[in-house]
Amino acid sequence: MSTYFCPGHVTCFFQPVRAGDILSTGSRGAGIRLSLGASVTLDERTDSRVTVSMDGAEAAAPVTRRLLSDACPGRGFDVTVENGLPVGQGFGMSAAGAVALAFCLAELLGHDGDWAFRQAHAAEVLEGGGLGDVAAIRCPGHCPVRVTPGIDGDVRSFGSMPVMSLAVLGGELGTSSVINDPAASSRIAACGAEAVDEYLGHPSAEALFSLSRRFSRSAGLETGAVASVLDALPGHAGMCMLGHSVFSDLPASELEEAAEVPAFTCSSTDMPVTRTG
């Protein structure tokens, strides 16, 4: 039995890129690695059954099951996932869980971390999860920028955010329902390419927030609730991709006042994937 923790990740703006192979498919984009994330415990069974418990409840967990079936076909496992942030809100919990599980499997099978990141990325892409979170999490920096797509793409880090807060303003937003819609994906790609190129020219916290807002508005991704909070906190908040949620460099109390919902407190981090049990 082993347990690994993986940081989460918020994408601020992105450009989906579909390639001829899974490892090269991904996205360009900018984001923030989070001090909160997901912990996964893997325990092998004596039969071929696979059980997945997520935050105390049985879960379908297609990404988890894809990882297990690809790496260990015919073997049974009990998988326990504990998320430090809500799932389906753009906090990278799917990717964090996939990476943590892949590290458990790498330990079991005698593989290295590079193998784990590739397995996690492939499972995320194949099962309709995020396109770039795994590549961003792989980068050992606070605020990774995916200059080129794919798990082996060029990813660089700029700056940090010692104070961060996150707030959920609505129900889950399924990533696949957005990025697999041709019209939405085309619009997002055009807006995302422009934002990434401009940010690379002048990376700063101010640019990250201003470009995040321009991207979410131009791409047509903001709900009324998200737009209201971003209007109330100009230059200090952006929409999490993809979720009915926002991130801010303000203390949680200030975000809570604007959003009128509880906020999570965290920070950016360069923490690596870590074995915790």
C-alpha atoms as a PDB file:
ATOM      1  CA  MET A   1       0.000   0.000   0.000  1.00  0.00           C
ATOM      2  CA  SER A   2       1.228   3.516  -0.810  1.00  0.00           C
ATOM      3  CA  THR A   3      -0.124   7.066  -0.615  1.00  0.00           C
ATOM      4  CA  TYR A   4       0.953  10.072  -2.687  1.00  0.00           C
ATOM      5  CA  PHE A   5      -0.055  13.743  -2.577  1.00  0.00           C
ATOM      6  CA  CYS A   6      -0.142  15.907  -5.699  1.00  0.00           C
ATOM      7  CA  PRO A   7      -0.744  19.681  -5.841  1.00  0.00           C
ATOM      8  CA  GLY A   8      -3.757  20.993  -7.720  1.00  0.00           C
ATOM      9  CA  HIS A   9      -3.598  23.527 -10.543  1.00  0.00           C
ATOM     10  CA  VAL A  10      -5.740  26.408 -11.793  1.00  0.00           C
ATOM     11  CA  THR A  11      -5.580  27.276 -15.480  1.00  0.00           C
ATOM     12  CA  CYS A  12      -6.114  31.001 -16.102  1.00  0.00           C
ATOM     13  CA  PHE A  13      -6.302  30.901 -19.910  1.00  0.00           C
ATOM     14  CA  PHE A  14      -5.511  28.225 -22.467  1.00  0.00           C
ATOM     15  CA  GLN A  15      -5.365  27.178 -26.106  1.00  0.00           C
ATOM     16  CA  PRO A  16      -6.437  23.557 -26.809  1.00  0.00           C
ATOM     17  CA  VAL A  17      -4.132  21.749 -29.245  1.00  0.00           C
ATOM     18  CA  ARG A  18      -5.051  18.387 -30.770  1.00  0.00           C
ATOM     19  CA  ALA A  19      -2.113  16.433 -32.191  1.00  0.00           C
ATOM     20  CA  GLY A  20      -1.603  13.100 -33.894  1.00  0.00           C
ATOM     21  CA  ASP A  21      -0.740  11.322 -30.663  1.00  0.00           C
ATOM     22  CA  ILE A  22      -1.941  11.467 -27.073  1.00  0.00           C
ATOM     23  CA  LEU A  23       1.331  12.620 -25.515  1.00  0.00           C
ATOM     24  CA  SER A  24       1.601  15.605 -27.892  1.00  0.00           C
ATOM     25  CA  THR A  25      -2.070  16.549 -27.514  1.00  0.00           C
ATOM     26  CA  GLY A  26      -2.628  19.123 -24.797  1.00  0.00           C
ATOM     27  CA  SER A  27      -2.819  22.874 -24.474  1.00  0.00           C
ATOM     28  CA  ARG A  28      -0.799  26.039 -24.287  1.00  0.00           C
ATOM     29  CA  GLY A  29      -1.723  28.165 -21.313  1.00  0.00           C
ATOM     30  CA  ALA A  30      -0.863  29.851 -18.037  1.00  0.00           C
ATOM     31  CA  GLY A  31      -1.844  28.793 -14.541  1.00  0.00           C
ATOM     32  CA  ILE A  32      -1.025  28.445 -10.869  1.00  0.00           C
ATOM     33  CA  ARG A  33       0.048  25.319  -8.979  1.00  0.00           C
ATOM     34  CA  LEU A  34      -1.890  25.114  -5.710  1.00  0.00           C
ATOM     35  CA  SER A  35      -0.788  24.213  -2.188  1.00  0.00           C
ATOM     36  CA  LEU A  36      -4.021  22.202  -1.897  1.00  0.00           C
ATOM     37  CA  GLY A  37      -4.447  19.067  -3.977  1.00  0.00           C
ATOM     38  CA  ALA A  38      -5.327  15.378  -3.953  1.00  0.00           C
ATOM     39  CA  SER A  39      -4.063  12.394  -1.956  1.00  0.00           C
ATOM     40  CA  VAL A  40      -4.420   8.880  -3.355  1.00  0.00           C
ATOM     41  CA  THR A  41      -3.909   5.575  -1.558  1.00  0.00           C
ATOM     42  CA  LEU A  42      -3.458   2.400  -3.604  1.00  0.00           C
ATOM     43  CA  ASP A  43      -3.868  -1.062  -2.051  1.00  0.00           C
ATOM     44  CA  GLU A  44      -3.627  -4.188  -4.215  1.00  0.00           C
ATOM     45  CA  ARG A  45      -6.294  -6.872  -3.746  1.00  0.00           C
ATOM     46  CA  THR A  46      -6.019 -10.647  -4.093  1.00  0.00           C
ATOM     47  CA  ASP A  47      -8.765 -10.685  -6.758  1.00  0.00           C
ATOM     48  CA  SER A  48      -9.342  -8.697  -9.967  1.00  0.00           C
ATOM     49  CA  ARG A  49     -11.938  -6.272  -8.580  1.00  0.00           C
ATOM     50  CA  VAL A  50     -11.327  -2.502  -8.646  1.00  0.00           C
ATOM     51  CA  THR A  51     -12.997  -0.217  -6.098  1.00  0.00           C
ATOM     52  CA  VAL A  52     -12.650   3.562  -6.046  1.00  0.00           C
ATOM     53  CA  SER A  53     -13.680   5.685  -3.069  1.00  0.00           C
ATOM     54  CA  MET A  54     -13.605   9.437  -3.602  1.00  0.00           C
ATOM     55  CA  ASP A  55     -14.099  11.706  -0.598  1.00  0.00           C
ATOM     56  CA  GLY A  56     -15.892   8.903   1.233  1.00  0.00           C
ATOM     57  CA  ALA A  57     -18.228   7.780  -1.561  1.00  0.00           C
ATOM     58  CA  GLU A  58     -17.948   5.146  -4.288  1.00  0.00           C
ATOM     59  CA  ALA A  59     -17.030   6.794  -7.588  1.00  0.00           C
ATOM     60  CA  ALA A  60     -17.122   5.907 -11.288  1.00  0.00           C
ATOM     61  CA  ALA A  61     -13.725   7.638 -11.687  1.00  0.00           C
ATOM     62  CA  PRO A  62     -13.064   6.917 -15.396  1.00  0.00           C
ATOM     63  CA  VAL A  63      -9.572   8.442 -15.346  1.00  0.00           C
ATOM     64  CA  THR A  64      -8.589   6.308 -12.346  1.00  0.00           C
ATOM     65  CA  ARG A  65      -9.932   3.143 -13.934  1.00  0.00           C
ATOM     66  CA  ARG A  66      -8.203   3.921 -17.249  1.00  0.00           C
ATOM     67  CA  LEU A  67      -4.868   4.289 -15.446  1.00  0.00           C
ATOM     68  CA  LEU A  68      -5.302   0.966 -13.669  1.00  0.00           C
ATOM     69  CA  SER A  69      -6.481  -0.964 -16.726  1.00  0.00           C
ATOM     70  CA  ASP A  70      -3.652   0.384 -18.892  1.00  0.00           C
ATOM     71  CA  ALA A  71      -0.897  -0.176 -16.321  1.00  0.00           C
ATOM     72  CA  CYS A  72      -2.104  -3.342 -14.581  1.00  0.00           C
ATOM     73  CA  PRO A  73      -4.709  -5.169 -16.699  1.00  0.00           C
ATOM     74  CA  GLY A  74      -6.536  -7.912 -14.807  1.00  0.00           C
ATOM     75  CA  ARG A  75      -5.259  -6.895 -11.361  1.00  0.00           C
ATOM     76  CA  GLY A  76      -7.507  -5.713  -8.538  1.00  0.00           C
ATOM     77  CA  PHE A  77      -7.063  -2.626  -6.372  1.00  0.00           C
ATOM     78  CA  ASP A  78      -8.747  -0.536  -3.724  1.00  0.00           C
ATOM     79  CA  VAL A  79      -8.194   3.154  -4.487  1.00  0.00           C
ATOM     80  CA  THR A  80      -8.985   5.918  -2.001  1.00  0.00           C
ATOM     81  CA  VAL A  81      -8.977   9.517  -3.232  1.00  0.00           C
ATOM     82  CA  GLU A  82      -9.156  12.506  -0.891  1.00  0.00           C
ATOM     83  CA  ASN A  83      -9.550  15.883  -2.581  1.00  0.00           C
ATOM     84  CA  GLY A  84      -8.546  19.082  -0.836  1.00  0.00           C
ATOM     85  CA  LEU A  85     -10.772  21.129  -3.176  1.00  0.00           C
ATOM     86  CA  PRO A  86     -14.094  20.549  -4.978  1.00  0.00           C
ATOM     87  CA  VAL A  87     -14.039  18.406  -8.123  1.00  0.00           C
ATOM     88  CA  GLY A  88     -15.204  19.792 -11.477  1.00  0.00           C
ATOM     89  CA  GLN A  89     -14.457  23.423 -10.622  1.00  0.00           C
ATOM     90  CA  GLY A  90     -11.212  24.069 -12.473  1.00  0.00           C
ATOM     91  CA  PHE A  91      -8.909  23.301  -9.549  1.00  0.00           C
ATOM     92  CA  GLY A  92      -7.125  20.424 -11.306  1.00  0.00           C
ATOM     93  CA  MET A  93      -8.365  17.744  -8.923  1.00  0.00           C
ATOM     94  CA  SER A  94      -8.794  15.190 -11.704  1.00  0.00           C
ATOM     95  CA  ALA A  95      -5.206  15.703 -12.849  1.00  0.00           C
ATOM     96  CA  ALA A  96      -3.844  15.779  -9.290  1.00  0.00           C
ATOM     97  CA  GLY A  97      -5.599  12.512  -8.507  1.00  0.00           C
ATOM     98  CA  ALA A  98      -4.356  10.945 -11.737  1.00  0.00           C
ATOM     99  CA  VAL A  99      -0.765  11.977 -11.049  1.00  0.00           C
ATOM    100  CA  ALA A 100      -0.875  10.779  -7.429  1.00  0.00           C
ATOM    101  CA  LEU A 101      -2.268   7.410  -8.528  1.00  0.00           C
ATOM    102  CA  ALA A 102       0.276   7.128 -11.342  1.00  0.00           C
ATOM    103  CA  PHE A 103       3.081   7.645  -8.802  1.00  0.00           C
ATOM    104  CA  CYS A 104       1.599   4.857  -6.658  1.00  0.00           C
ATOM    105  CA  LEU A 105       1.590   2.606  -9.728  1.00  0.00           C
ATOM    106  CA  ALA A 106       5.128   3.632 -10.680  1.00  0.00           C
ATOM    107  CA  GLU A 107       6.330   2.572  -7.246  1.00  0.00           C
ATOM    108  CA  LEU A 108       4.484  -0.744  -7.533  1.00  0.00           C
ATOM    109  CA  LEU A 109       5.786  -1.500 -11.029  1.00  0.00           C
ATOM    110  CA  GLY A 110       9.304  -0.098 -10.704  1.00  0.00           C
ATOM    111  CA  HIS A 111       8.871   2.881 -13.043  1.00  0.00           C
ATOM    112  CA  ASP A 112      10.048   6.468 -12.603  1.00  0.00           C
ATOM    113  CA  GLY A 113       8.239   9.797 -12.278  1.00  0.00           C
ATOM    114  CA  ASP A 114       8.419  10.537 -16.010  1.00  0.00           C
ATOM    115  CA  TRP A 115       6.465   7.338 -16.681  1.00  0.00           C
ATOM    116  CA  ALA A 116       3.893   8.390 -14.077  1.00  0.00           C
ATOM    117  CA  PHE A 117       3.337  11.832 -15.613  1.00  0.00           C
ATOM    118  CA  ARG A 118       2.947  10.352 -19.105  1.00  0.00           C
ATOM    119  CA  GLN A 119       0.436   7.766 -17.893  1.00  0.00           C
ATOM    120  CA  ALA A 120      -1.571  10.416 -16.041  1.00  0.00           C
ATOM    121  CA  HIS A 121      -1.596  12.784 -19.023  1.00  0.00           C
ATOM    122  CA  ALA A 122      -2.723  10.041 -21.403  1.00  0.00           C
ATOM    123  CA  ALA A 123      -5.556   8.964 -19.110  1.00  0.00           C
ATOM    124  CA  GLU A 124      -6.712  12.567 -18.652  1.00  0.00           C
ATOM    125  CA  VAL A 125      -6.812  13.224 -22.408  1.00  0.00           C
ATOM    126  CA  LEU A 126      -8.417   9.884 -23.312  1.00  0.00           C
ATOM    127  CA  GLU A 127     -11.154  10.205 -20.685  1.00  0.00           C
ATOM    128  CA  GLY A 128     -12.018  13.841 -21.395  1.00  0.00           C
ATOM    129  CA  GLY A 129     -10.285  15.458 -18.446  1.00  0.00           C
ATOM    130  CA  GLY A 130      -8.030  18.497 -18.629  1.00  0.00           C
ATOM    131  CA  LEU A 131      -5.611  18.872 -21.521  1.00  0.00           C
ATOM    132  CA  GLY A 132      -2.775  20.676 -19.770  1.00  0.00           C
ATOM    133  CA  ASP A 133      -3.031  20.300 -16.001  1.00  0.00           C
ATOM    134  CA  VAL A 134      -0.666  17.317 -15.797  1.00  0.00           C
ATOM    135  CA  ALA A 135       2.035  19.106 -17.818  1.00  0.00           C
ATOM    136  CA  ALA A 136       1.647  22.178 -15.592  1.00  0.00           C
ATOM    137  CA  ILE A 137       1.840  20.118 -12.396  1.00  0.00           C
ATOM    138  CA  ARG A 138       4.992  18.470 -13.711  1.00  0.00           C
ATOM    139  CA  CYS A 139       6.706  21.893 -13.863  1.00  0.00           C
ATOM    140  CA  PRO A 140       8.664  22.590 -10.637  1.00  0.00           C
ATOM    141  CA  GLY A 141       7.449  26.190 -10.296  1.00  0.00           C
ATOM    142  CA  HIS A 142       4.646  28.258  -8.789  1.00  0.00           C
ATOM    143  CA  CYS A 143       3.036  29.706 -11.935  1.00  0.00           C
ATOM    144  CA  PRO A 144       3.700  27.459 -14.953  1.00  0.00           C
ATOM    145  CA  VAL A 145       3.207  28.640 -18.523  1.00  0.00           C
ATOM    146  CA  ARG A 146       2.738  25.965 -21.166  1.00  0.00           C
ATOM    147  CA  VAL A 147       4.559  27.457 -24.136  1.00  0.00           C
ATOM    148  CA  THR A 148       4.086  24.362 -26.274  1.00  0.00           C
ATOM    149  CA  PRO A 149       1.482  21.600 -25.768  1.00  0.00           C
ATOM    150  CA  GLY A 150       1.804  18.003 -24.621  1.00  0.00           C
ATOM    151  CA  ILE A 151       3.321  16.275 -21.641  1.00  0.00           C
ATOM    152  CA  ASP A 152       6.855  16.866 -22.943  1.00  0.00           C
ATOM    153  CA  GLY A 153       6.156  20.439 -24.075  1.00  0.00           C
ATOM    154  CA  ASP A 154       8.080  23.552 -23.066  1.00  0.00           C
ATOM    155  CA  VAL A 155       6.728  24.697 -19.664  1.00  0.00           C
ATOM    156  CA  ARG A 156       8.202  27.685 -17.826  1.00  0.00           C
ATOM    157  CA  SER A 157       7.372  29.310 -14.486  1.00  0.00           C
ATOM    158  CA  PHE A 158       7.040  32.991 -13.607  1.00  0.00           C
ATOM    159  CA  GLY A 159       6.579  34.470 -10.115  1.00  0.00           C
ATOM    160  CA  SER A 160       4.465  33.238  -7.225  1.00  0.00           C
ATOM    161  CA  MET A 161       1.341  34.113  -5.222  1.00  0.00           C
ATOM    162  CA  PRO A 162       1.900  33.898  -1.455  1.00  0.00           C
ATOM    163  CA  VAL A 163      -1.765  34.717  -0.817  1.00  0.00           C
ATOM    164  CA  MET A 164      -4.523  33.032  -2.801  1.00  0.00           C
ATOM    165  CA  SER A 165      -8.206  32.371  -2.344  1.00  0.00           C
ATOM    166  CA  LEU A 166     -10.675  30.306  -4.355  1.00  0.00           C
ATOM    167  CA  ALA A 167     -14.476  30.416  -4.405  1.00  0.00           C
ATOM    168  CA  VAL A 168     -17.098  28.172  -6.018  1.00  0.00           C
ATOM    169  CA  LEU A 169     -20.088  30.065  -7.433  1.00  0.00           C
ATOM    170  CA  GLY A 170     -22.134  27.297  -9.043  1.00  0.00           C
ATOM    171  CA  GLY A 171     -22.389  23.617  -9.925  1.00  0.00           C
ATOM    172  CA  GLU A 172     -19.754  21.519 -11.670  1.00  0.00           C
ATOM    173  CA  LEU A 173     -18.720  22.440 -15.200  1.00  0.00           C
ATOM    174  CA  GLY A 174     -17.680  19.359 -17.171  1.00  0.00           C
ATOM    175  CA  THR A 175     -14.424  20.063 -19.007  1.00  0.00           C
ATOM    176  CA  SER A 176     -15.210  17.629 -21.825  1.00  0.00           C
ATOM    177  CA  SER A 177     -18.563  19.303 -22.589  1.00  0.00           C
ATOM    178  CA  VAL A 178     -16.697  22.512 -23.385  1.00  0.00           C
ATOM    179  CA  ILE A 179     -13.436  21.452 -25.020  1.00  0.00           C
ATOM    180  CA  ASN A 180     -15.143  18.795 -27.161  1.00  0.00           C
ATOM    181  CA  ASP A 181     -17.668  21.276 -28.603  1.00  0.00           C
ATOM    182  CA  PRO A 182     -16.178  22.351 -32.001  1.00  0.00           C
ATOM    183  CA  ALA A 183     -17.488  25.936 -31.950  1.00  0.00           C
ATOM    184  CA  ALA A 184     -16.534  26.556 -28.326  1.00  0.00           C
ATOM    185  CA  SER A 185     -13.128  24.933 -28.761  1.00  0.00           C
ATOM    186  CA  SER A 186     -12.357  27.059 -31.830  1.00  0.00           C
ATOM    187  CA  ARG A 187     -13.319  30.271 -30.030  1.00  0.00           C
ATOM    188  CA  ILE A 188     -11.315  29.303 -26.934  1.00  0.00           C
ATOM    189  CA  ALA A 189      -8.276  28.395 -29.048  1.00  0.00           C
ATOM    190  CA  ALA A 190      -8.195  31.777 -30.777  1.00  0.00           C
ATOM    191  CA  CYS A 191      -8.614  33.743 -27.529  1.00  0.00           C
ATOM    192  CA  GLY A 192      -6.169  31.497 -25.688  1.00  0.00           C
ATOM    193  CA  ALA A 193      -3.417  31.749 -28.297  1.00  0.00           C
ATOM    194  CA  GLU A 194      -3.596  35.541 -28.139  1.00  0.00           C
ATOM    195  CA  ALA A 195      -3.487  35.570 -24.334  1.00  0.00           C
ATOM    196  CA  VAL A 196      -0.525  33.164 -24.069  1.00  0.00           C
ATOM    197  CA  ASP A 197       1.532  35.050 -26.650  1.00  0.00           C
ATOM    198  CA  GLU A 198       0.872  38.399 -24.966  1.00  0.00           C
ATOM    199  CA  TYR A 199       1.647  37.029 -21.500  1.00  0.00           C
ATOM    200  CA  LEU A 200       4.971  35.547 -22.625  1.00  0.00           C
ATOM    201  CA  GLY A 201       5.995  39.000 -23.817  1.00  0.00           C
ATOM    202  CA  HIS A 202       5.373  40.639 -20.429  1.00  0.00           C
ATOM    203  CA  PRO A 203       4.754  38.076 -17.641  1.00  0.00           C
ATOM    204  CA  SER A 204       3.538  39.559 -14.351  1.00  0.00           C
ATOM    205  CA  ALA A 205       0.789  39.057 -11.791  1.00  0.00           C
ATOM    206  CA  GLU A 206      -1.048  42.060 -13.213  1.00  0.00           C
ATOM    207  CA  ALA A 207      -0.913  40.618 -16.724  1.00  0.00           C
ATOM    208  CA  LEU A 208      -2.074  37.215 -15.488  1.00  0.00           C
ATOM    209  CA  PHE A 209      -5.257  38.716 -14.031  1.00  0.00           C
ATOM    210  CA  SER A 210      -5.985  41.142 -16.877  1.00  0.00           C
ATOM    211  CA  LEU A 211      -5.460  38.496 -19.562  1.00  0.00           C
ATOM    212  CA  SER A 212      -7.495  35.965 -17.577  1.00  0.00           C
ATOM    213  CA  ARG A 213     -10.443  38.349 -17.542  1.00  0.00           C
ATOM    214  CA  ARG A 214     -10.135  39.219 -21.196  1.00  0.00           C
ATOM    215  CA  PHE A 215      -9.918  35.539 -22.104  1.00  0.00           C
ATOM    216  CA  SER A 216     -12.939  34.372 -20.074  1.00  0.00           C
ATOM    217  CA  ARG A 217     -15.069  37.242 -21.368  1.00  0.00           C
ATOM    218  CA  SER A 218     -13.979  37.002 -25.031  1.00  0.00           C
ATOM    219  CA  ALA A 219     -14.318  33.208 -25.068  1.00  0.00           C
ATOM    220  CA  GLY A 220     -17.870  33.454 -23.704  1.00  0.00           C
ATOM    221  CA  LEU A 221     -17.145  31.309 -20.648  1.00  0.00           C
ATOM    222  CA  GLU A 222     -18.343  33.546 -17.814  1.00  0.00           C
ATOM    223  CA  THR A 223     -21.638  32.874 -16.068  1.00  0.00           C
ATOM    224  CA  GLY A 224     -23.504  35.802 -14.577  1.00  0.00           C
ATOM    225  CA  ALA A 225     -22.241  34.972 -11.101  1.00  0.00           C
ATOM    226  CA  VAL A 226     -18.619  34.761 -12.268  1.00  0.00           C
ATOM    227  CA  ALA A 227     -18.872  38.038 -14.193  1.00  0.00           C
ATOM    228  CA  SER A 228     -20.351  39.779 -11.147  1.00  0.00           C
ATOM    229  CA  VAL A 229     -17.418  38.793  -8.903  1.00  0.00           C
ATOM    230  CA  LEU A 230     -14.815  39.678 -11.533  1.00  0.00           C
ATOM    231  CA  ASP A 231     -16.466  43.072 -12.026  1.00  0.00           C
ATOM    232  CA  ALA A 232     -16.340  43.656  -8.260  1.00  0.00           C
ATOM    233  CA  LEU A 233     -12.628  42.733  -8.000  1.00  0.00           C
ATOM    234  CA  PRO A 234     -10.959  44.158 -11.127  1.00  0.00           C
ATOM    235  CA  GLY A 235      -7.336  43.132 -11.411  1.00  0.00           C
ATOM    236  CA  HIS A 236      -7.510  40.792  -8.455  1.00  0.00           C
ATOM    237  CA  ALA A 237      -9.647  37.854  -9.660  1.00  0.00           C
ATOM    238  CA  GLY A 238     -10.040  35.549 -12.620  1.00  0.00           C
ATOM    239  CA  MET A 239     -12.195  32.615 -13.692  1.00  0.00           C
ATOM    240  CA  CYS A 240     -10.842  29.095 -13.090  1.00  0.00           C
ATOM    241  CA  MET A 241     -10.684  26.989 -16.259  1.00  0.00           C
ATOM    242  CA  LEU A 242     -12.988  25.227 -16.394  1.00  0.00           C
ATOM    243  CA  GLY A 243     -15.367  25.754 -13.508  1.00  0.00           C
ATOM    244  CA  HIS A 244     -18.046  27.974 -12.026  1.00  0.00           C
ATOM    245  CA  SER A 245     -15.310  29.317  -9.773  1.00  0.00           C
ATOM    246  CA  VAL A 246     -12.825  32.149  -9.356  1.00  0.00           C
ATOM    247  CA  PHE A 247      -9.286  32.626  -8.056  1.00  0.00           C
ATOM    248  CA  SER A 248      -7.883  35.737  -6.420  1.00  0.00           C
ATOM    249  CA  ASP A 249      -4.714  37.138  -4.877  1.00  0.00           C
ATOM    250  CA  LEU A 250      -6.830  38.744  -2.136  1.00  0.00           C
ATOM    251  CA  PRO A 251      -7.426  37.255   1.327  1.00  0.00           C
ATOM    252  CA  ALA A 252     -10.367  34.866   1.573  1.00  0.00           C
ATOM    253  CA  SER A 253     -12.391  37.394   3.581  1.00  0.00           C
ATOM    254  CA  GLU A 254     -12.337  39.908   0.721  1.00  0.00           C
ATOM    255  CA  LEU A 255     -13.249  37.297  -1.876  1.00  0.00           C
ATOM    256  CA  GLU A 256     -16.058  36.032   0.358  1.00  0.00           C
ATOM    257  CA  GLU A 257     -17.490  39.539   0.644  1.00  0.00           C
ATOM    258  CA  ALA A 258     -17.622  39.939  -3.133  1.00  0.00           C
ATOM    259  CA  ALA A 259     -18.754  36.396  -3.920  1.00  0.00           C
ATOM    260  CA  GLU A 260     -21.127  35.966  -0.963  1.00  0.00           C
ATOM    261  CA  VAL A 261     -19.962  32.348  -0.587  1.00  0.00           C
ATOM    262  CA  PRO A 262     -17.203  30.716   1.517  1.00  0.00           C
ATOM    263  CA  ALA A 263     -13.692  30.800   0.070  1.00  0.00           C
ATOM    264  CA  PHE A 264     -10.750  28.421   0.315  1.00  0.00           C
ATOM    265  CA  THR A 265      -7.369  29.732   1.446  1.00  0.00           C
ATOM    266  CA  CYS A 266      -4.203  28.476  -0.268  1.00  0.00           C
ATOM    267  CA  SER A 267      -1.088  29.726  -2.043  1.00  0.00           C
ATOM    268  CA  SER A 268       0.912  28.978  -5.123  1.00  0.00           C
ATOM    269  CA  THR A 269       3.506  26.243  -4.636  1.00  0.00           C
ATOM    270  CA  ASP A 270       6.536  24.547  -6.141  1.00  0.00           C
ATOM    271  CA  MET A 271       5.865  21.439  -4.034  1.00  0.00           C
ATOM    272  CA  PRO A 272       6.692  18.187  -5.850  1.00  0.00           C
ATOM    273  CA  VAL A 273       4.507  15.091  -5.881  1.00  0.00           C
ATOM    274  CA  THR A 274       5.205  13.574  -2.460  1.00  0.00           C
ATOM    275  CA  ARG A 275       4.902  10.123  -0.892  1.00  0.00           C
ATOM    276  CA  THR A 276       2.992  10.529   2.368  1.00  0.00           C
ATOM    277  CA  GLY A 277       2.327   6.982   3.459  1.00  0.00           C
END
